[in-house]
Amino acid sequence: MINHLESYSYTGPVMEFNNCIANNWSGETQAVSESKARNNLIYQFKKQNNRVPGTKITLPGKLMTGR
């Protein structure tokens, strides 16, 4: 089975341990599923903002798909 990558983008708030730490962050990625895309975007945010891997980051908004 061949997995095709879909483009995903996110623009919205970022939560760290239930506290809003960014009101309007945006990122883009490609992944095989929305779940993988969300994990990729969280990883990007952590790298860009010097957060340790164990930090609980959530993206409460919806991901947009690009075709």
PDB file of N, CA and C in Angstrom:
ATOM      1  N   MET A   1       0.838  -1.179   0.000  1.00  0.00           N
ATOM      2  CA  MET A   1       0.000   0.000   0.000  1.00  0.00           C
ATOM      3  C   MET A   1       0.886   1.246   0.000  1.00  0.00           C
ATOM      4  N   ILE A   2       0.590   2.157  -0.872  1.00  0.00           N
ATOM      5  CA  ILE A   2       1.360   3.394  -0.977  1.00  0.00           C
ATOM      6  C   ILE A   2       0.632   4.490  -0.201  1.00  0.00           C
ATOM      7  N   ASN A   3       1.349   5.127   0.709  1.00  0.00           N
ATOM      8  CA  ASN A   3       0.779   6.243   1.471  1.00  0.00           C
ATOM      9  C   ASN A   3       1.125   7.549   0.786  1.00  0.00           C
ATOM     10  N   HIS A   4       0.106   8.319   0.460  1.00  0.00           N
ATOM     11  CA  HIS A   4       0.317   9.614  -0.175  1.00  0.00           C
ATOM     12  C   HIS A   4       0.323  10.701   0.891  1.00  0.00           C
ATOM     13  N   LEU A   5       1.244  11.623   0.753  1.00  0.00           N
ATOM     14  CA  LEU A   5       1.330  12.716   1.701  1.00  0.00           C
ATOM     15  C   LEU A   5       0.351  13.816   1.330  1.00  0.00           C
ATOM     16  N   GLU A   6      -0.309  14.331   2.335  1.00  0.00           N
ATOM     17  CA  GLU A   6      -1.237  15.446   2.182  1.00  0.00           C
ATOM     18  C   GLU A   6      -0.578  16.662   2.826  1.00  0.00           C
ATOM     19  N   SER A   7      -0.824  17.836   2.276  1.00  0.00           N
ATOM     20  CA  SER A   7      -0.315  19.071   2.870  1.00  0.00           C
ATOM     21  C   SER A   7      -1.298  19.558   3.929  1.00  0.00           C
ATOM     22  N   TYR A   8      -0.757  19.963   5.065  1.00  0.00           N
ATOM     23  CA  TYR A   8      -1.571  20.488   6.162  1.00  0.00           C
ATOM     24  C   TYR A   8      -0.975  21.814   6.625  1.00  0.00           C
ATOM     25  N   SER A   9      -1.836  22.719   7.057  1.00  0.00           N
ATOM     26  CA  SER A   9      -1.371  23.975   7.639  1.00  0.00           C
ATOM     27  C   SER A   9      -2.205  24.283   8.879  1.00  0.00           C
ATOM     28  N   TYR A  10      -1.615  25.058   9.768  1.00  0.00           N
ATOM     29  CA  TYR A  10      -2.291  25.443  11.004  1.00  0.00           C
ATOM     30  C   TYR A  10      -1.995  26.900  11.273  1.00  0.00           C
ATOM     31  N   THR A  11      -3.018  27.645  11.617  1.00  0.00           N
ATOM     32  CA  THR A  11      -2.875  29.014  12.086  1.00  0.00           C
ATOM     33  C   THR A  11      -3.839  29.168  13.251  1.00  0.00           C
ATOM     34  N   GLY A  12      -3.287  29.480  14.412  1.00  0.00           N
ATOM     35  CA  GLY A  12      -4.144  29.628  15.581  1.00  0.00           C
ATOM     36  C   GLY A  12      -3.355  29.597  16.874  1.00  0.00           C
ATOM     37  N   PRO A  13      -4.070  29.420  17.971  1.00  0.00           N
ATOM     38  CA  PRO A  13      -3.426  29.453  19.289  1.00  0.00           C
ATOM     39  C   PRO A  13      -2.607  28.200  19.565  1.00  0.00           C
ATOM     40  N   VAL A  14      -1.645  28.349  20.462  1.00  0.00           N
ATOM     41  CA  VAL A  14      -0.832  27.225  20.933  1.00  0.00           C
ATOM     42  C   VAL A  14      -0.927  27.215  22.450  1.00  0.00           C
ATOM     43  N   MET A  15      -1.225  26.034  22.980  1.00  0.00           N
ATOM     44  CA  MET A  15      -1.375  25.884  24.419  1.00  0.00           C
ATOM     45  C   MET A  15      -0.204  25.078  24.986  1.00  0.00           C
ATOM     46  N   GLU A  16       0.288  25.526  26.137  1.00  0.00           N
ATOM     47  CA  GLU A  16       1.333  24.794  26.868  1.00  0.00           C
ATOM     48  C   GLU A  16       0.780  24.519  28.259  1.00  0.00           C
ATOM     49  N   PHE A  17       0.544  23.239  28.573  1.00  0.00           N
ATOM     50  CA  PHE A  17      -0.057  22.871  29.854  1.00  0.00           C
ATOM     51  C   PHE A  17      -1.310  23.704  30.144  1.00  0.00           C
ATOM     52  N   ASN A  18      -2.198  23.823  29.153  1.00  0.00           N
ATOM     53  CA  ASN A  18      -3.488  24.531  29.247  1.00  0.00           C
ATOM     54  C   ASN A  18      -3.375  26.044  29.398  1.00  0.00           C
ATOM     55  N   ASN A  19      -2.204  26.614  29.162  1.00  0.00           N
ATOM     56  CA  ASN A  19      -2.026  28.066  29.136  1.00  0.00           C
ATOM     57  C   ASN A  19      -1.706  28.490  27.719  1.00  0.00           C
ATOM     58  N   CYS A  20      -2.380  29.515  27.220  1.00  0.00           N
ATOM     59  CA  CYS A  20      -2.121  30.001  25.868  1.00  0.00           C
ATOM     60  C   CYS A  20      -0.785  30.737  25.857  1.00  0.00           C
ATOM     61  N   ILE A  21       0.162  30.247  25.038  1.00  0.00           N
ATOM     62  CA  ILE A  21       1.485  30.877  24.974  1.00  0.00           C
ATOM     63  C   ILE A  21       1.723  31.559  23.627  1.00  0.00           C
ATOM     64  N   ALA A  22       0.835  31.339  22.669  1.00  0.00           N
ATOM     65  CA  ALA A  22       0.912  32.019  21.369  1.00  0.00           C
ATOM     66  C   ALA A  22      -0.505  32.157  20.844  1.00  0.00           C
ATOM     67  N   ASN A  23      -0.882  33.374  20.456  1.00  0.00           N
ATOM     68  CA  ASN A  23      -2.240  33.618  19.975  1.00  0.00           C
ATOM     69  C   ASN A  23      -2.441  33.246  18.520  1.00  0.00           C
ATOM     70  N   ASN A  24      -1.404  33.387  17.703  1.00  0.00           N
ATOM     71  CA  ASN A  24      -1.588  33.228  16.266  1.00  0.00           C
ATOM     72  C   ASN A  24      -0.353  32.627  15.604  1.00  0.00           C
ATOM     73  N   TRP A  25       0.032  31.435  16.004  1.00  0.00           N
ATOM     74  CA  TRP A  25       1.178  30.754  15.407  1.00  0.00           C
ATOM     75  C   TRP A  25       0.728  30.045  14.144  1.00  0.00           C
ATOM     76  N   SER A  26       1.620  29.956  13.160  1.00  0.00           N
ATOM     77  CA  SER A  26       1.269  29.211  11.947  1.00  0.00           C
ATOM     78  C   SER A  26       2.419  28.308  11.538  1.00  0.00           C
ATOM     79  N   GLY A  27       2.055  27.168  10.950  1.00  0.00           N
ATOM     80  CA  GLY A  27       3.036  26.202  10.478  1.00  0.00           C
ATOM     81  C   GLY A  27       2.444  25.361   9.365  1.00  0.00           C
ATOM     82  N   GLU A  28       3.322  24.713   8.612  1.00  0.00           N
ATOM     83  CA  GLU A  28       2.908  23.848   7.511  1.00  0.00           C
ATOM     84  C   GLU A  28       3.714  22.564   7.550  1.00  0.00           C
ATOM     85  N   THR A  29       3.094  21.472   7.090  1.00  0.00           N
ATOM     86  CA  THR A  29       3.763  20.180   7.041  1.00  0.00           C
ATOM     87  C   THR A  29       3.085  19.286   6.019  1.00  0.00           C
ATOM     88  N   GLN A  30       3.703  18.155   5.756  1.00  0.00           N
ATOM     89  CA  GLN A  30       3.096  17.121   4.927  1.00  0.00           C
ATOM     90  C   GLN A  30       3.105  15.830   5.729  1.00  0.00           C
ATOM     91  N   ALA A  31       1.992  15.100   5.675  1.00  0.00           N
ATOM     92  CA  ALA A  31       1.884  13.864   6.445  1.00  0.00           C
ATOM     93  C   ALA A  31       0.826  12.957   5.823  1.00  0.00           C
ATOM     94  N   VAL A  32       0.822  11.699   6.269  1.00  0.00           N
ATOM     95  CA  VAL A  32      -0.134  10.720   5.752  1.00  0.00           C
ATOM     96  C   VAL A  32      -1.493  10.821   6.437  1.00  0.00           C
ATOM     97  N   SER A  33      -1.569  11.480   7.598  1.00  0.00           N
ATOM     98  CA  SER A  33      -2.836  11.621   8.311  1.00  0.00           C
ATOM     99  C   SER A  33      -2.846  12.932   9.095  1.00  0.00           C
ATOM    100  N   GLU A  34      -4.034  13.337   9.511  1.00  0.00           N
ATOM    101  CA  GLU A  34      -4.144  14.560  10.302  1.00  0.00           C
ATOM    102  C   GLU A  34      -3.445  14.412  11.649  1.00  0.00           C
ATOM    103  N   SER A  35      -3.521  13.236  12.226  1.00  0.00           N
ATOM    104  CA  SER A  35      -2.860  12.980  13.505  1.00  0.00           C
ATOM    105  C   SER A  35      -1.343  13.150  13.387  1.00  0.00           C
ATOM    106  N   LYS A  36      -0.752  12.585  12.345  1.00  0.00           N
ATOM    107  CA  LYS A  36       0.689  12.733  12.118  1.00  0.00           C
ATOM    108  C   LYS A  36       1.037  14.192  11.850  1.00  0.00           C
ATOM    109  N   ALA A  37       0.188  14.878  11.095  1.00  0.00           N
ATOM    110  CA  ALA A  37       0.437  16.291  10.785  1.00  0.00           C
ATOM    111  C   ALA A  37       0.437  17.132  12.060  1.00  0.00           C
ATOM    112  N   ARG A  38      -0.526  16.869  12.943  1.00  0.00           N
ATOM    113  CA  ARG A  38      -0.600  17.619  14.202  1.00  0.00           C
ATOM    114  C   ARG A  38       0.667  17.384  15.027  1.00  0.00           C
ATOM    115  N   ASN A  39       1.132  16.127  15.084  1.00  0.00           N
ATOM    116  CA  ASN A  39       2.370  15.823  15.807  1.00  0.00           C
ATOM    117  C   ASN A  39       3.565  16.533  15.175  1.00  0.00           C
ATOM    118  N   ASN A  40       3.622  16.577  13.848  1.00  0.00           N
ATOM    119  CA  ASN A  40       4.710  17.273  13.153  1.00  0.00           C
ATOM    120  C   ASN A  40       4.707  18.758  13.491  1.00  0.00           C
ATOM    121  N   LEU A  41       3.529  19.359  13.497  1.00  0.00           N
ATOM    122  CA  LEU A  41       3.423  20.793  13.787  1.00  0.00           C
ATOM    123  C   LEU A  41       3.803  21.096  15.231  1.00  0.00           C
ATOM    124  N   ILE A  42       3.408  20.240  16.144  1.00  0.00           N
ATOM    125  CA  ILE A  42       3.799  20.425  17.550  1.00  0.00           C
ATOM    126  C   ILE A  42       5.320  20.328  17.683  1.00  0.00           C
ATOM    127  N   TYR A  43       5.920  19.367  16.988  1.00  0.00           N
ATOM    128  CA  TYR A  43       7.380  19.233  16.988  1.00  0.00           C
ATOM    129  C   TYR A  43       8.040  20.507  16.446  1.00  0.00           C
ATOM    130  N   GLN A  44       7.512  21.032  15.334  1.00  0.00           N
ATOM    131  CA  GLN A  44       8.049  22.273  14.759  1.00  0.00           C
ATOM    132  C   GLN A  44       7.992  23.411  15.767  1.00  0.00           C
ATOM    133  N   PHE A  45       6.840  23.552  16.441  1.00  0.00           N
ATOM    134  CA  PHE A  45       6.694  24.635  17.410  1.00  0.00           C
ATOM    135  C   PHE A  45       7.724  24.493  18.527  1.00  0.00           C
ATOM    136  N   LYS A  46       7.896  23.273  19.038  1.00  0.00           N
ATOM    137  CA  LYS A  46       8.858  23.051  20.119  1.00  0.00           C
ATOM    138  C   LYS A  46      10.273  23.411  19.682  1.00  0.00           C
ATOM    139  N   LYS A  47      10.660  23.028  18.469  1.00  0.00           N
ATOM    140  CA  LYS A  47      12.005  23.339  17.976  1.00  0.00           C
ATOM    141  C   LYS A  47      12.197  24.840  17.797  1.00  0.00           C
ATOM    142  N   GLN A  48      11.199  25.510  17.215  1.00  0.00           N
ATOM    143  CA  GLN A  48      11.297  26.950  16.958  1.00  0.00           C
ATOM    144  C   GLN A  48      11.317  27.772  18.241  1.00  0.00           C
ATOM    145  N   ASN A  49      10.701  27.257  19.295  1.00  0.00           N
ATOM    146  CA  ASN A  49      10.555  28.020  20.531  1.00  0.00           C
ATOM    147  C   ASN A  49      11.318  27.431  21.709  1.00  0.00           C
ATOM    148  N   ASN A  50      12.310  26.590  21.411  1.00  0.00           N
ATOM    149  CA  ASN A  50      13.216  26.045  22.422  1.00  0.00           C
ATOM    150  C   ASN A  50      12.505  25.377  23.601  1.00  0.00           C
ATOM    151  N   ARG A  51      11.525  24.537  23.289  1.00  0.00           N
ATOM    152  CA  ARG A  51      10.829  23.762  24.325  1.00  0.00           C
ATOM    153  C   ARG A  51      11.446  22.366  24.374  1.00  0.00           C
ATOM    154  N   VAL A  52      11.514  21.779  25.557  1.00  0.00           N
ATOM    155  CA  VAL A  52      12.038  20.425  25.693  1.00  0.00           C
ATOM    156  C   VAL A  52      11.002  19.437  25.162  1.00  0.00           C
ATOM    157  N   PRO A  53      11.446  18.255  24.698  1.00  0.00           N
ATOM    158  CA  PRO A  53      10.520  17.288  24.102  1.00  0.00           C
ATOM    159  C   PRO A  53       9.343  16.889  24.997  1.00  0.00           C
ATOM    160  N   GLY A  54       9.516  16.873  26.303  1.00  0.00           N
ATOM    161  CA  GLY A  54       8.443  16.452  27.203  1.00  0.00           C
ATOM    162  C   GLY A  54       7.385  17.501  27.492  1.00  0.00           C
ATOM    163  N   THR A  55       7.554  18.708  26.980  1.00  0.00           N
ATOM    164  CA  THR A  55       6.595  19.777  27.216  1.00  0.00           C
ATOM    165  C   THR A  55       5.266  19.437  26.544  1.00  0.00           C
ATOM    166  N   LYS A  56       4.163  19.582  27.266  1.00  0.00           N
ATOM    167  CA  LYS A  56       2.850  19.290  26.697  1.00  0.00           C
ATOM    168  C   LYS A  56       2.355  20.495  25.904  1.00  0.00           C
ATOM    169  N   ILE A  57       2.408  20.372  24.596  1.00  0.00           N
ATOM    170  CA  ILE A  57       1.944  21.412  23.687  1.00  0.00           C
ATOM    171  C   ILE A  57       0.721  20.879  22.947  1.00  0.00           C
ATOM    172  N   THR A  58      -0.322  21.704  22.854  1.00  0.00           N
ATOM    173  CA  THR A  58      -1.499  21.320  22.076  1.00  0.00           C
ATOM    174  C   THR A  58      -1.880  22.448  21.126  1.00  0.00           C
ATOM    175  N   LEU A  59      -2.464  22.053  20.007  1.00  0.00           N
ATOM    176  CA  LEU A  59      -2.970  22.985  19.004  1.00  0.00           C
ATOM    177  C   LEU A  59      -4.485  22.809  18.968  1.00  0.00           C
ATOM    178  N   PRO A  60      -5.232  23.689  19.654  1.00  0.00           N
ATOM    179  CA  PRO A  60      -6.666  23.472  19.787  1.00  0.00           C
ATOM    180  C   PRO A  60      -7.489  23.761  18.522  1.00  0.00           C
ATOM    181  N   GLY A  61      -6.914  24.453  17.566  1.00  0.00           N
ATOM    182  CA  GLY A  61      -7.659  24.798  16.351  1.00  0.00           C
ATOM    183  C   GLY A  61      -7.669  23.672  15.333  1.00  0.00           C
ATOM    184  N   LYS A  62      -8.344  23.926  14.211  1.00  0.00           N
ATOM    185  CA  LYS A  62      -8.434  22.931  13.145  1.00  0.00           C
ATOM    186  C   LYS A  62      -7.265  23.052  12.185  1.00  0.00           C
ATOM    187  N   LEU A  63      -6.842  21.912  11.650  1.00  0.00           N
ATOM    188  CA  LEU A  63      -5.824  21.893  10.603  1.00  0.00           C
ATOM    189  C   LEU A  63      -6.527  22.064   9.272  1.00  0.00           C
ATOM    190  N   MET A  64      -5.896  22.797   8.367  1.00  0.00           N
ATOM    191  CA  MET A  64      -6.421  22.973   7.019  1.00  0.00           C
ATOM    192  C   MET A  64      -5.634  22.066   6.092  1.00  0.00           C
ATOM    193  N   THR A  65      -6.318  21.458   5.151  1.00  0.00           N
ATOM    194  CA  THR A  65      -5.624  20.619   4.171  1.00  0.00           C
ATOM    195  C   THR A  65      -5.466  21.388   2.887  1.00  0.00           C
ATOM    196  N   GLY A  66      -4.310  21.174   2.262  1.00  0.00           N
ATOM    197  CA  GLY A  66      -4.049  21.773   0.962  1.00  0.00           C
ATOM    198  C   GLY A  66      -4.087  20.684  -0.078  1.00  0.00           C
ATOM    199  N   ARG A  67      -4.584  20.976  -1.227  1.00  0.00           N
ATOM    200  CA  ARG A  67      -4.716  19.936  -2.264  1.00  0.00           C
ATOM    201  C   ARG A  67      -3.823  20.219  -3.431  1.00  0.00           C
TER     202      ARG A  67
END
